Amino acid sequence: MALHLRAAGWAGSHSAARPRPRRGALALTVGAGSLLAGAVLLLLTLAPLFGLGGETATVGTSVVQTISGFGPSGHSQPDAQGTSSGLASGVITDGPVNGVAFEMTISSLGYRATVLEGVGQEILDRAPGHYPDSAWPGRAGNVGIAAHNVYWLSFNRLRAGDRVEIRTQHGLYVYEITGSKVVSPTDRTVLAQTPDHRLTLTTCYPLWAGAFATQRLVFFAREIGGVG
């Protein structure tokens, strides 16, 4: 009888240990869910890259064609404010053409992008944008350009002395990087207007953080030459 009870007790103990594999399966399920959530967050962070492209973001029509003030039909097209560029009548005016502000090139980074007019989400999801209330290249003041950090990942290599070229519909302007700093997203003093010719580039920081960046990285530059 004692032997029978011991055998029954061993069997009960052995049966009670069986749920352990269930805990292992639960851990695997949680781990798989975490990986899936991470993949979704990564896709959301990189989503802007699937707008117009990566480091060389452009618009649908030819850059040269658009900057010169003519659309695919060969006729002068209205800009973002609904006014004509004026080139058809021989009058050159500042301002965007067909929503395009100008082209920006940084040779030291192998970077080139068409900058659109505006800094709204629908603009920055596609390309860098020109702050509408900032100066126009070639004019006295502070030219402001913003972009999502996913477009400017290579800007961690941007150094003082590097040159930024801005080509508008009627001129080429060269700026030299003078420095950079990290600021709060609410700090608008970096875009304050100046009596001389300046350029300010802003993006979210850290650059690798995508949509989860909590600060702003700002580059400052001064105009050192131009033809316009």
Protein backbone atom coordinates (compact mmCIF):
# COMPACT_ATOMS: atom_id res chain seq x y z
CA MET A 1 0.00 0.00 0.00
CA ALA A 2 2.81 2.45 0.91
CA LEU A 3 4.54 1.61 -2.34
CA HIS A 4 1.33 2.30 -4.25
CA LEU A 5 0.89 5.69 -2.56
CA ARG A 6 4.46 6.72 -3.26
CA ALA A 7 3.98 5.79 -6.89
CA ALA A 8 0.76 7.79 -7.04
CA GLY A 9 2.48 10.74 -5.35
CA TRP A 10 5.33 10.64 -7.90
CA ALA A 11 2.85 10.57 -10.74
CA GLY A 12 1.00 13.59 -9.31
CA SER A 13 4.25 15.51 -8.91
CA HIS A 14 5.27 14.66 -12.43
CA SER A 15 1.88 15.80 -13.75
CA ALA A 16 2.09 19.14 -11.89
CA ALA A 17 5.40 19.98 -13.62
CA ARG A 18 3.91 19.74 -17.10
CA PRO A 19 2.68 23.40 -17.40
CA ARG A 20 6.31 24.59 -17.63
CA PRO A 21 6.41 24.30 -21.41
CA ARG A 22 3.40 26.64 -21.49
CA ARG A 23 5.48 29.38 -19.85
CA GLY A 24 8.12 28.88 -22.52
CA ALA A 25 5.52 29.21 -25.25
CA LEU A 26 4.23 32.39 -23.61
CA ALA A 27 7.74 33.86 -23.57
CA LEU A 28 8.16 33.05 -27.27
CA THR A 29 4.83 34.72 -28.03
CA VAL A 30 5.79 37.87 -26.11
CA GLY A 31 9.16 37.95 -27.83
CA ALA A 32 7.61 37.61 -31.28
CA GLY A 33 5.13 40.37 -30.45
CA SER A 34 7.96 42.67 -29.36
CA LEU A 35 9.85 42.03 -32.59
CA LEU A 36 6.72 42.78 -34.61
CA ALA A 37 6.11 46.02 -32.71
CA GLY A 38 9.71 47.05 -33.27
CA ALA A 39 9.41 46.37 -36.99
CA VAL A 40 6.25 48.50 -37.19
CA LEU A 41 7.94 51.39 -35.35
CA LEU A 42 10.94 51.14 -37.68
CA LEU A 43 8.69 51.31 -40.74
CA LEU A 44 6.89 54.34 -39.33
CA THR A 45 10.23 56.05 -38.70
CA LEU A 46 11.50 55.37 -42.21
CA ALA A 47 8.19 56.12 -43.93
CA PRO A 48 9.27 59.55 -45.24
CA LEU A 49 12.03 57.84 -47.22
CA PHE A 50 9.38 56.39 -49.50
CA GLY A 51 8.08 59.80 -50.61
CA LEU A 52 10.37 61.16 -53.33
CA GLY A 53 13.51 59.23 -52.46
CA GLY A 54 16.42 59.45 -50.09
CA GLU A 55 19.38 61.79 -49.96
CA THR A 56 18.66 63.27 -53.40
CA ALA A 57 14.99 64.12 -52.95
CA THR A 58 13.48 65.66 -56.07
CA VAL A 59 10.08 66.56 -57.45
CA GLY A 60 8.25 64.84 -60.27
CA THR A 61 9.20 67.22 -63.08
CA SER A 62 12.71 68.06 -64.22
CA VAL A 63 14.61 70.25 -61.77
CA VAL A 64 16.04 72.45 -64.50
CA GLN A 65 12.65 72.69 -66.18
CA THR A 66 10.86 73.67 -62.98
CA ILE A 67 13.47 76.06 -61.62
CA SER A 68 13.48 77.90 -64.94
CA GLY A 69 9.79 78.60 -64.45
CA PHE A 70 8.28 76.38 -67.11
CA GLY A 71 6.23 73.25 -66.64
CA PRO A 72 6.07 70.21 -68.94
CA SER A 73 3.85 72.10 -71.39
CA GLY A 74 6.49 74.77 -71.95
CA HIS A 75 4.37 77.57 -70.47
CA SER A 76 5.06 79.58 -67.34
CA GLN A 77 3.30 77.95 -64.37
CA PRO A 78 1.89 79.62 -61.22
CA ASP A 79 3.81 79.23 -57.98
CA ALA A 80 2.54 78.12 -54.58
CA GLN A 81 1.00 81.54 -53.96
CA GLY A 82 -0.84 81.46 -57.28
CA THR A 83 1.35 84.05 -59.02
CA SER A 84 3.35 83.62 -62.20
CA SER A 85 7.13 83.56 -62.07
CA GLY A 86 7.15 86.46 -64.50
CA LEU A 87 9.88 84.98 -66.69
CA ALA A 88 7.62 84.87 -69.73
CA SER A 89 7.45 88.67 -69.66
CA GLY A 90 11.17 89.04 -68.95
CA VAL A 91 10.65 90.16 -65.34
CA ILE A 92 12.56 88.16 -62.72
CA THR A 93 10.95 87.92 -59.28
CA ASP A 94 11.79 86.10 -56.09
CA GLY A 95 9.63 83.23 -54.97
CA PRO A 96 8.82 79.58 -55.65
CA VAL A 97 7.85 78.22 -59.05
CA ASN A 98 5.32 75.39 -59.22
CA GLY A 99 5.86 74.88 -55.49
CA VAL A 100 9.62 74.52 -55.93
CA ALA A 101 11.81 77.00 -54.06
CA PHE A 102 15.34 76.16 -55.20
CA GLU A 103 17.99 73.45 -55.43
CA MET A 104 20.52 72.77 -52.68
CA THR A 105 23.86 71.01 -53.17
CA ILE A 106 26.53 70.07 -50.61
CA SER A 107 29.45 68.61 -52.56
CA SER A 108 31.37 67.47 -49.47
CA LEU A 109 28.50 65.08 -48.65
CA GLY A 110 27.57 64.16 -52.21
CA TYR A 111 24.15 65.62 -51.42
CA ARG A 112 21.67 67.31 -53.75
CA ALA A 113 17.99 68.05 -53.19
CA THR A 114 15.18 70.09 -54.62
CA VAL A 115 13.81 72.27 -51.82
CA LEU A 116 10.05 72.85 -51.87
CA GLU A 117 8.26 75.92 -50.52
CA GLY A 118 6.79 75.42 -47.05
CA VAL A 119 7.55 73.33 -43.97
CA GLY A 120 4.21 71.58 -43.43
CA GLN A 121 4.11 67.83 -42.89
CA GLU A 122 2.89 67.20 -46.44
CA ILE A 123 5.94 69.07 -47.76
CA LEU A 124 8.60 67.60 -45.46
CA ASP A 125 7.35 64.06 -46.10
CA ARG A 126 8.45 64.60 -49.71
CA ALA A 127 11.55 66.80 -49.54
CA PRO A 128 13.32 69.58 -47.62
CA GLY A 129 11.29 72.79 -47.32
CA HIS A 130 11.99 76.52 -47.27
CA TYR A 131 10.53 78.46 -44.33
CA PRO A 132 8.13 80.86 -46.12
CA ASP A 133 8.71 83.62 -43.55
CA SER A 134 12.50 83.48 -43.94
CA ALA A 135 14.67 85.35 -46.44
CA TRP A 136 15.09 84.41 -50.09
CA PRO A 137 18.57 83.38 -51.29
CA GLY A 138 20.53 86.34 -52.57
CA ARG A 139 18.66 88.76 -50.33
CA ALA A 140 19.78 90.11 -46.98
CA GLY A 141 18.44 88.08 -44.11
CA ASN A 142 18.35 84.51 -42.84
CA VAL A 143 17.34 81.79 -45.34
CA GLY A 144 15.75 78.90 -43.41
CA ILE A 145 15.51 75.31 -44.65
CA ALA A 146 14.02 72.35 -42.75
CA ALA A 147 13.99 68.61 -43.43
CA HIS A 148 13.17 65.31 -41.75
CA ASN A 149 16.27 63.77 -40.21
CA VAL A 150 15.87 60.66 -42.38
CA TYR A 151 16.73 62.84 -45.39
CA TRP A 152 19.77 64.31 -43.67
CA LEU A 153 21.38 61.27 -42.06
CA SER A 154 24.69 62.15 -43.73
CA PHE A 155 24.66 65.62 -42.15
CA ASN A 156 26.47 64.23 -39.10
CA ARG A 157 29.55 64.65 -41.34
CA LEU A 158 28.83 68.31 -42.09
CA ARG A 159 31.64 70.49 -40.72
CA ALA A 160 32.55 74.16 -40.41
CA GLY A 161 34.04 75.30 -43.71
CA ASP A 162 31.87 73.00 -45.86
CA ARG A 163 30.01 74.80 -48.61
CA VAL A 164 26.31 74.81 -49.42
CA GLU A 165 25.22 75.91 -52.90
CA ILE A 166 21.72 77.27 -53.45
CA ARG A 167 20.49 77.62 -57.04
CA THR A 168 17.32 79.64 -57.60
CA GLN A 169 15.57 80.44 -60.86
CA HIS A 170 17.91 83.34 -61.48
CA GLY A 171 21.09 82.87 -59.43
CA LEU A 172 23.64 80.67 -57.68
CA TYR A 173 24.56 81.49 -54.07
CA VAL A 174 27.33 79.87 -52.04
CA TYR A 175 27.25 79.62 -48.24
CA GLU A 176 29.92 78.39 -45.84
CA ILE A 177 29.02 76.42 -42.72
CA THR A 178 30.16 78.30 -39.62
CA GLY A 179 28.89 76.03 -36.85
CA SER A 180 26.02 74.00 -35.40
CA LYS A 181 24.17 73.39 -32.14
CA VAL A 182 21.33 71.36 -30.64
CA VAL A 183 18.30 73.31 -29.40
CA SER A 184 14.76 72.80 -28.16
CA PRO A 185 12.10 72.26 -30.86
CA THR A 186 10.39 75.44 -29.66
CA ASP A 187 13.49 77.63 -30.05
CA ARG A 188 12.69 79.97 -32.97
CA THR A 189 15.56 82.36 -32.27
CA VAL A 190 17.77 80.35 -34.62
CA LEU A 191 15.62 81.61 -37.50
CA ALA A 192 15.77 85.26 -36.48
CA GLN A 193 16.38 87.61 -39.39
CA THR A 194 19.79 89.23 -39.78
CA PRO A 195 21.07 92.29 -41.67
CA ASP A 196 23.62 90.18 -43.55
CA HIS A 197 23.19 87.10 -45.76
CA ARG A 198 22.77 83.93 -43.70
CA LEU A 199 21.55 80.35 -44.09
CA THR A 200 20.10 78.13 -41.35
CA LEU A 201 19.38 74.40 -41.72
CA THR A 202 17.16 72.68 -39.15
CA THR A 203 16.27 69.04 -38.59
CA CYS A 204 15.19 66.69 -35.80
CA TYR A 205 17.87 65.29 -33.49
CA PRO A 206 19.26 62.70 -32.94
CA LEU A 207 19.45 62.08 -36.68
CA TRP A 208 19.09 58.32 -36.24
CA ALA A 209 15.98 58.63 -34.04
CA GLY A 210 13.56 59.32 -36.90
CA ALA A 211 10.11 60.32 -35.68
CA PHE A 212 11.18 59.76 -32.06
CA ALA A 213 13.74 62.58 -32.04
CA THR A 214 13.06 65.11 -29.29
CA GLN A 215 15.45 67.96 -30.13
CA ARG A 216 16.56 70.06 -33.11
CA LEU A 217 19.95 70.13 -34.81
CA VAL A 218 20.75 73.49 -36.38
CA PHE A 219 23.51 74.37 -38.85
CA PHE A 220 24.53 77.97 -39.44
CA ALA A 221 26.15 79.34 -42.61
CA ARG A 222 27.08 82.69 -44.13
CA GLU A 223 27.00 83.68 -47.78
CA ILE A 224 30.49 83.95 -49.29
CA GLY A 225 29.61 84.51 -52.93
CA GLY A 226 27.03 84.26 -55.61
CA VAL A 227 25.92 85.12 -59.10
CA GLY A 228 22.45 86.51 -59.45
